[in-house]
C-alpha atoms as a PDB file:
ATOM      1  CA  MET A   1      20.299 -29.725   2.753  1.00  0.00           C
ATOM      2  CA  ILE A   2      19.875 -32.033   5.733  1.00  0.00           C
ATOM      3  CA  TYR A   3      22.874 -32.715   7.946  1.00  0.00           C
ATOM      4  CA  ALA A   4      22.292 -35.794  10.112  1.00  0.00           C
ATOM      5  CA  VAL A   5      24.701 -36.045  13.053  1.00  0.00           C
ATOM      6  CA  GLY A   6      25.517 -39.340  14.762  1.00  0.00           C
ATOM      7  CA  ASP A   7      25.657 -40.214  18.464  1.00  0.00           C
ATOM      8  CA  VAL A   8      27.512 -37.522  20.441  1.00  0.00           C
ATOM      9  CA  HIS A   9      27.702 -39.141  23.912  1.00  0.00           C
ATOM     10  CA  GLY A  10      28.940 -36.148  25.855  1.00  0.00           C
ATOM     11  CA  MET A  11      31.723 -35.220  23.418  1.00  0.00           C
ATOM     12  CA  ARG A  12      31.074 -31.489  23.244  1.00  0.00           C
ATOM     13  CA  GLU A  13      34.490 -30.563  21.854  1.00  0.00           C
ATOM     14  CA  SER A  14      34.096 -32.994  18.953  1.00  0.00           C
ATOM     15  CA  LEU A  15      30.573 -31.740  18.303  1.00  0.00           C
ATOM     16  CA  GLU A  16      31.668 -28.112  18.137  1.00  0.00           C
ATOM     17  CA  LYS A  17      34.517 -28.988  15.759  1.00  0.00           C
ATOM     18  CA  LEU A  18      32.174 -30.971  13.514  1.00  0.00           C
ATOM     19  CA  ILE A  19      29.565 -28.217  13.309  1.00  0.00           C
ATOM     20  CA  SER A  20      32.295 -25.670  12.503  1.00  0.00           C
ATOM     21  CA  LEU A  21      33.324 -27.821   9.505  1.00  0.00           C
ATOM     22  CA  LEU A  22      29.872 -27.953   7.949  1.00  0.00           C
ATOM     23  CA  PRO A  23      29.217 -25.496   5.095  1.00  0.00           C
ATOM     24  CA  LEU A  24      25.893 -24.490   6.607  1.00  0.00           C
ATOM     25  CA  SER A  25      23.459 -22.045   5.047  1.00  0.00           C
ATOM     26  CA  PRO A  26      20.440 -20.479   6.784  1.00  0.00           C
ATOM     27  CA  ASP A  27      18.056 -22.892   5.060  1.00  0.00           C
ATOM     28  CA  ASP A  28      19.853 -26.070   6.087  1.00  0.00           C
ATOM     29  CA  HIS A  29      18.378 -28.553   8.550  1.00  0.00           C
ATOM     30  CA  LEU A  30      20.475 -30.095  11.341  1.00  0.00           C
ATOM     31  CA  LEU A  31      19.125 -33.421  12.536  1.00  0.00           C
ATOM     32  CA  PHE A  32      20.641 -35.174  15.552  1.00  0.00           C
ATOM     33  CA  MET A  33      20.232 -38.910  16.000  1.00  0.00           C
ATOM     34  CA  GLY A  34      20.051 -39.081  19.815  1.00  0.00           C
ATOM     35  CA  ASP A  35      22.417 -40.243  22.573  1.00  0.00           C
ATOM     36  CA  TYR A  36      23.650 -36.811  23.616  1.00  0.00           C
ATOM     37  CA  VAL A  37      24.380 -38.033  27.143  1.00  0.00           C
ATOM     38  CA  ASP A  38      26.406 -40.734  28.956  1.00  0.00           C
ATOM     39  CA  ARG A  39      29.967 -42.028  28.679  1.00  0.00           C
ATOM     40  CA  GLY A  40      31.638 -38.850  27.394  1.00  0.00           C
ATOM     41  CA  PRO A  41      32.911 -36.065  29.680  1.00  0.00           C
ATOM     42  CA  ASP A  42      30.348 -33.269  29.154  1.00  0.00           C
ATOM     43  CA  PRO A  43      26.747 -34.379  28.492  1.00  0.00           C
ATOM     44  CA  CYS A  44      25.317 -31.236  30.094  1.00  0.00           C
ATOM     45  CA  GLY A  45      27.574 -29.104  27.899  1.00  0.00           C
ATOM     46  CA  VAL A  46      26.442 -30.971  24.792  1.00  0.00           C
ATOM     47  CA  VAL A  47      22.810 -30.156  25.555  1.00  0.00           C
ATOM     48  CA  GLU A  48      23.708 -26.520  26.307  1.00  0.00           C
ATOM     49  CA  TYR A  49      25.423 -26.286  22.927  1.00  0.00           C
ATOM     50  CA  LEU A  50      22.512 -27.912  21.086  1.00  0.00           C
ATOM     51  CA  ILE A  51      20.005 -25.550  22.689  1.00  0.00           C
ATOM     52  CA  ASP A  52      22.117 -22.593  21.536  1.00  0.00           C
ATOM     53  CA  LEU A  53      22.494 -24.091  18.056  1.00  0.00           C
ATOM     54  CA  SER A  54      18.729 -24.487  17.727  1.00  0.00           C
ATOM     55  CA  ALA A  55      18.343 -20.736  18.150  1.00  0.00           C
ATOM     56  CA  ARG A  56      20.445 -20.219  14.994  1.00  0.00           C
ATOM     57  CA  TYR A  57      19.447 -23.114  12.733  1.00  0.00           C
ATOM     58  CA  ARG A  58      16.510 -25.368  12.093  1.00  0.00           C
ATOM     59  CA  CYS A  59      17.218 -28.378  14.290  1.00  0.00           C
ATOM     60  CA  THR A  60      15.472 -31.678  14.952  1.00  0.00           C
ATOM     61  CA  PHE A  61      16.528 -33.750  17.945  1.00  0.00           C
ATOM     62  CA  LEU A  62      15.722 -37.447  18.157  1.00  0.00           C
ATOM     63  CA  MET A  63      15.638 -39.358  21.415  1.00  0.00           C
ATOM     64  CA  GLY A  64      18.232 -42.057  21.967  1.00  0.00           C
ATOM     65  CA  ASN A  65      18.105 -45.016  24.311  1.00  0.00           C
ATOM     66  CA  HIS A  66      20.488 -43.187  26.650  1.00  0.00           C
ATOM     67  CA  GLU A  67      18.067 -40.261  27.034  1.00  0.00           C
ATOM     68  CA  ALA A  68      15.309 -42.809  27.672  1.00  0.00           C
ATOM     69  CA  MET A  69      17.367 -44.384  30.468  1.00  0.00           C
ATOM     70  CA  PHE A  70      18.428 -41.038  31.950  1.00  0.00           C
ATOM     71  CA  LEU A  71      14.922 -39.619  32.107  1.00  0.00           C
ATOM     72  CA  SER A  72      13.513 -42.880  33.432  1.00  0.00           C
ATOM     73  CA  PHE A  73      16.199 -42.775  36.152  1.00  0.00           C
ATOM     74  CA  LEU A  74      14.976 -39.270  37.043  1.00  0.00           C
ATOM     75  CA  GLY A  75      11.417 -40.570  37.433  1.00  0.00           C
ATOM     76  CA  TRP A  76       9.885 -39.540  34.113  1.00  0.00           C
ATOM     77  CA  GLU A  77       7.007 -41.774  33.084  1.00  0.00           C
ATOM     78  CA  GLY A  78       5.682 -42.662  29.643  1.00  0.00           C
ATOM     79  CA  PRO A  79       6.130 -45.258  26.904  1.00  0.00           C
ATOM     80  CA  ALA A  80       9.444 -43.752  25.761  1.00  0.00           C
ATOM     81  CA  PHE A  81      11.046 -43.616  29.214  1.00  0.00           C
ATOM     82  CA  PHE A  82      12.378 -46.953  30.406  1.00  0.00           C
ATOM     83  CA  GLY A  83      15.617 -48.657  31.384  1.00  0.00           C
ATOM     84  CA  GLY A  84      16.391 -46.421  34.324  1.00  0.00           C
ATOM     85  CA  GLU A  85      17.628 -49.392  36.318  1.00  0.00           C
ATOM     86  CA  ALA A  86      20.408 -49.864  33.720  1.00  0.00           C
ATOM     87  CA  PHE A  87      21.347 -46.187  33.471  1.00  0.00           C
ATOM     88  CA  LEU A  88      24.414 -46.247  35.714  1.00  0.00           C
ATOM     89  CA  GLN A  89      25.721 -49.430  34.104  1.00  0.00           C
ATOM     90  CA  ASN A  90      25.651 -47.692  30.706  1.00  0.00           C
ATOM     91  CA  GLY A  91      27.780 -44.636  31.403  1.00  0.00           C
ATOM     92  CA  GLY A  92      25.186 -42.615  33.287  1.00  0.00           C
ATOM     93  CA  ASP A  93      27.647 -41.528  35.961  1.00  0.00           C
ATOM     94  CA  THR A  94      29.243 -38.987  33.606  1.00  0.00           C
ATOM     95  CA  THR A  95      25.823 -37.473  32.906  1.00  0.00           C
ATOM     96  CA  LEU A  96      24.984 -37.142  36.589  1.00  0.00           C
ATOM     97  CA  GLN A  97      28.416 -35.687  37.311  1.00  0.00           C
ATOM     98  CA  SER A  98      28.125 -33.086  34.552  1.00  0.00           C
ATOM     99  CA  TYR A  99      24.730 -31.979  35.882  1.00  0.00           C
ATOM    100  CA  GLY A 100      26.004 -31.695  39.465  1.00  0.00           C
ATOM    101  CA  TYR A 101      23.680 -34.456  40.617  1.00  0.00           C
ATOM    102  CA  PHE A 102      26.075 -35.729  43.265  1.00  0.00           C
ATOM    103  CA  ASP A 103      26.589 -32.228  44.702  1.00  0.00           C
ATOM    104  CA  SER A 104      22.897 -31.391  44.999  1.00  0.00           C
ATOM    105  CA  GLU A 105      21.763 -31.004  48.592  1.00  0.00           C
ATOM    106  CA  GLU A 106      18.093 -30.828  47.610  1.00  0.00           C
ATOM    107  CA  ASP A 107      15.946 -32.853  45.242  1.00  0.00           C
ATOM    108  CA  PHE A 108      17.702 -32.760  41.891  1.00  0.00           C
ATOM    109  CA  GLN A 109      16.027 -30.789  39.105  1.00  0.00           C
ATOM    110  CA  LEU A 110      17.128 -30.384  35.524  1.00  0.00           C
ATOM    111  CA  PRO A 111      17.697 -26.797  34.360  1.00  0.00           C
ATOM    112  CA  LYS A 112      14.427 -25.539  32.890  1.00  0.00           C
ATOM    113  CA  GLU A 113      15.788 -25.158  29.341  1.00  0.00           C
ATOM    114  CA  HIS A 114      17.206 -28.680  29.489  1.00  0.00           C
ATOM    115  CA  GLU A 115      13.904 -30.131  30.668  1.00  0.00           C
ATOM    116  CA  GLU A 116      12.178 -28.435  27.731  1.00  0.00           C
ATOM    117  CA  PHE A 117      14.835 -29.828  25.377  1.00  0.00           C
ATOM    118  CA  TYR A 118      14.321 -33.397  26.607  1.00  0.00           C
ATOM    119  CA  ARG A 119      10.528 -33.116  26.496  1.00  0.00           C
ATOM    120  CA  LYS A 120      10.644 -32.140  22.819  1.00  0.00           C
ATOM    121  CA  LEU A 121      12.787 -35.079  21.678  1.00  0.00           C
ATOM    122  CA  LYS A 122      11.221 -37.058  18.834  1.00  0.00           C
ATOM    123  CA  LEU A 123      11.165 -40.795  18.276  1.00  0.00           C
ATOM    124  CA  TYR A 124      11.519 -40.429  14.506  1.00  0.00           C
ATOM    125  CA  HIS A 125      11.604 -37.943  11.641  1.00  0.00           C
ATOM    126  CA  LEU A 126      10.507 -38.458   8.057  1.00  0.00           C
ATOM    127  CA  GLU A 127      11.686 -36.109   5.330  1.00  0.00           C
ATOM    128  CA  GLY A 128      11.977 -36.637   1.592  1.00  0.00           C
ATOM    129  CA  GLN A 129      13.335 -40.073   0.766  1.00  0.00           C
ATOM    130  CA  TYR A 130      14.781 -40.621   4.250  1.00  0.00           C
ATOM    131  CA  ALA A 131      13.434 -41.849   7.571  1.00  0.00           C
ATOM    132  CA  PHE A 132      15.502 -41.040  10.660  1.00  0.00           C
ATOM    133  CA  VAL A 133      15.397 -43.194  13.782  1.00  0.00           C
ATOM    134  CA  HIS A 134      17.860 -43.650  16.597  1.00  0.00           C
ATOM    135  CA  ALA A 135      18.167 -47.432  16.432  1.00  0.00           C
ATOM    136  CA  GLY A 136      15.929 -49.287  13.982  1.00  0.00           C
ATOM    137  CA  LEU A 137      12.596 -50.864  13.161  1.00  0.00           C
ATOM    138  CA  SER A 138      11.154 -54.249  14.031  1.00  0.00           C
ATOM    139  CA  ARG A 139      10.854 -57.078  11.517  1.00  0.00           C
ATOM    140  CA  ASP A 140       7.091 -56.553  11.396  1.00  0.00           C
ATOM    141  CA  SER A 141       7.538 -52.889  10.436  1.00  0.00           C
ATOM    142  CA  LEU A 142      10.106 -53.727   7.768  1.00  0.00           C
ATOM    143  CA  ARG A 143       7.528 -56.009   6.107  1.00  0.00           C
ATOM    144  CA  LEU A 144       5.180 -53.054   5.527  1.00  0.00           C
ATOM    145  CA  SER A 145       5.061 -50.747   2.501  1.00  0.00           C
ATOM    146  CA  ASP A 146       3.841 -47.532   4.189  1.00  0.00           C
ATOM    147  CA  ILE A 147       6.679 -45.841   6.088  1.00  0.00           C
ATOM    148  CA  GLN A 148       4.442 -43.317   7.846  1.00  0.00           C
ATOM    149  CA  TYR A 149       2.194 -46.086   9.140  1.00  0.00           C
ATOM    150  CA  ALA A 150       5.221 -48.154  10.168  1.00  0.00           C
ATOM    151  CA  LEU A 151       6.743 -45.277  12.153  1.00  0.00           C
ATOM    152  CA  ASP A 152       3.447 -44.252  13.759  1.00  0.00           C
ATOM    153  CA  HIS A 153       2.790 -47.793  14.983  1.00  0.00           C
ATOM    154  CA  GLU A 154       6.299 -48.866  15.922  1.00  0.00           C
ATOM    155  CA  ARG A 155       7.102 -49.513  19.578  1.00  0.00           C
ATOM    156  CA  PRO A 156       9.476 -47.038  21.254  1.00  0.00           C
ATOM    157  CA  ARG A 157      11.616 -49.982  22.358  1.00  0.00           C
ATOM    158  CA  SER A 158      12.389 -50.866  18.732  1.00  0.00           C
ATOM    159  CA  LEU A 159      13.012 -47.264  17.668  1.00  0.00           C
ATOM    160  CA  LEU A 160      15.402 -46.763  20.586  1.00  0.00           C
ATOM    161  CA  TRP A 161      17.097 -50.148  21.041  1.00  0.00           C
ATOM    162  CA  GLN A 162      16.799 -52.356  17.948  1.00  0.00           C
ATOM    163  CA  ARG A 163      20.158 -53.689  16.682  1.00  0.00           C
ATOM    164  CA  THR A 164      19.392 -56.891  14.764  1.00  0.00           C
ATOM    165  CA  THR A 165      17.177 -55.866  11.839  1.00  0.00           C
ATOM    166  CA  ILE A 166      18.472 -52.547  10.511  1.00  0.00           C
ATOM    167  CA  ASP A 167      20.416 -54.042   7.574  1.00  0.00           C
ATOM    168  CA  LEU A 168      17.496 -56.123   6.315  1.00  0.00           C
ATOM    169  CA  PRO A 169      15.942 -55.264   2.933  1.00  0.00           C
ATOM    170  CA  HIS A 170      12.487 -53.672   2.969  1.00  0.00           C
ATOM    171  CA  ASN A 171       9.852 -52.097   0.731  1.00  0.00           C
ATOM    172  CA  LEU A 172       9.226 -48.937   2.744  1.00  0.00           C
ATOM    173  CA  GLY A 173      10.329 -46.661  -0.094  1.00  0.00           C
ATOM    174  CA  VAL A 174      12.896 -44.709   1.947  1.00  0.00           C
ATOM    175  CA  THR A 175      16.451 -45.070   3.168  1.00  0.00           C
ATOM    176  CA  ILE A 176      16.539 -45.424   6.955  1.00  0.00           C
ATOM    177  CA  VAL A 177      19.248 -43.324   8.607  1.00  0.00           C
ATOM    178  CA  TYR A 178      20.131 -44.448  12.115  1.00  0.00           C
ATOM    179  CA  GLY A 179      22.730 -44.274  14.894  1.00  0.00           C
ATOM    180  CA  HIS A 180      23.060 -46.488  17.985  1.00  0.00           C
ATOM    181  CA  THR A 181      25.142 -49.342  16.513  1.00  0.00           C
ATOM    182  CA  PRO A 182      28.708 -48.584  15.391  1.00  0.00           C
ATOM    183  CA  MET A 183      30.557 -50.942  13.084  1.00  0.00           C
ATOM    184  CA  PRO A 184      33.612 -52.716  14.542  1.00  0.00           C
ATOM    185  CA  ASP A 185      35.807 -50.563  12.268  1.00  0.00           C
ATOM    186  CA  MET A 186      33.969 -47.378  13.342  1.00  0.00           C
ATOM    187  CA  GLN A 187      33.020 -46.529   9.745  1.00  0.00           C
ATOM    188  CA  VAL A 188      29.750 -45.336   8.225  1.00  0.00           C
ATOM    189  CA  ARG A 189      27.498 -48.367   7.700  1.00  0.00           C
ATOM    190  CA  TRP A 190      26.389 -48.176   4.051  1.00  0.00           C
ATOM    191  CA  ASN A 191      23.534 -50.510   3.090  1.00  0.00           C
ATOM    192  CA  LEU A 192      21.931 -48.658   0.198  1.00  0.00           C
ATOM    193  CA  PRO A 193      19.152 -48.311  -0.732  1.00  0.00           C
ATOM    194  CA  TYR A 194      17.840 -49.640   2.566  1.00  0.00           C
ATOM    195  CA  SER A 195      19.785 -47.961   5.364  1.00  0.00           C
ATOM    196  CA  ILE A 196      22.797 -45.893   6.442  1.00  0.00           C
ATOM    197  CA  GLY A 197      24.282 -46.101   9.945  1.00  0.00           C
ATOM    198  CA  ILE A 198      26.148 -43.021  11.173  1.00  0.00           C
ATOM    199  CA  ASP A 199      27.174 -43.901  14.724  1.00  0.00           C
ATOM    200  CA  THR A 200      30.928 -44.094  14.133  1.00  0.00           C
ATOM    201  CA  GLY A 201      31.939 -44.512  17.770  1.00  0.00           C
ATOM    202  CA  SER A 202      33.205 -41.053  18.680  1.00  0.00           C
ATOM    203  CA  VAL A 203      33.143 -41.831  22.402  1.00  0.00           C
ATOM    204  CA  TYR A 204      35.089 -45.059  21.768  1.00  0.00           C
ATOM    205  CA  GLY A 205      37.939 -43.400  19.893  1.00  0.00           C
ATOM    206  CA  GLY A 206      36.234 -43.274  16.501  1.00  0.00           C
ATOM    207  CA  ARG A 207      34.977 -40.182  14.707  1.00  0.00           C
ATOM    208  CA  LEU A 208      31.868 -38.075  15.028  1.00  0.00           C
ATOM    209  CA  THR A 209      29.990 -38.114  11.733  1.00  0.00           C
ATOM    210  CA  ALA A 210      27.607 -35.828   9.884  1.00  0.00           C
ATOM    211  CA  LEU A 211      25.865 -37.130   6.766  1.00  0.00           C
ATOM    212  CA  ARG A 212      24.634 -34.531   4.280  1.00  0.00           C
ATOM    213  CA  LEU A 213      21.513 -35.411   2.340  1.00  0.00           C
ATOM    214  CA  PRO A 214      20.440 -35.948  -0.336  1.00  0.00           C
ATOM    215  CA  ASP A 215      23.977 -36.024  -1.828  1.00  0.00           C
ATOM    216  CA  GLU A 216      25.168 -38.396   0.956  1.00  0.00           C
ATOM    217  CA  SER A 217      28.424 -36.541   1.592  1.00  0.00           C
ATOM    218  CA  VAL A 218      30.215 -37.423   4.845  1.00  0.00           C
ATOM    219  CA  PHE A 219      31.884 -34.980   7.246  1.00  0.00           C
ATOM    220  CA  GLN A 220      33.892 -36.253  10.224  1.00  0.00           C
ATOM    221  CA  VAL A 221      36.131 -35.180  13.092  1.00  0.00           C
END
């Protein structure tokens, strides 16, 4: 089974409770949709927990737009790292606080294991009849019929930030599972067979969601 987990945003306590509820077996695959940092109280602790979890289970970690902003703010360069100038206006202060950034008397450095974690983040994952992205795909990609080609050629900005196209019909042959954009009612965003949105606004007072696939069962705290 695949368990896809929505945006965590520094909510370590909620994440630990959610994982403890899942009926995991050694062969299961945990897939996290990005946005581990910002806004919530313990982004550093979330990453610590995920690193530990990956030693016990098969895990895939996607990059979210908040990781892109954070790493850009720290000076990382590359097509996936941008938006650093908006980092603090999007809840980045809690991330810096949790990492001790404001208390550092020398040039700030991420813990080595955390740097390795961030460097391994993926922009997408394709498995079975599902494609996993943090945010969405562009209109041009949704007009294609080859999902692998669409993902390989999509711009990082769309994969990390897109909000306006994710509910559109497409002929890509998969259901797109995404985070990034919670519904006003903080519920799972069902748009079968085209897409499922699982950011249910945990950091805004909603729930943290895990979606089990392929049976599409929902677990929440």
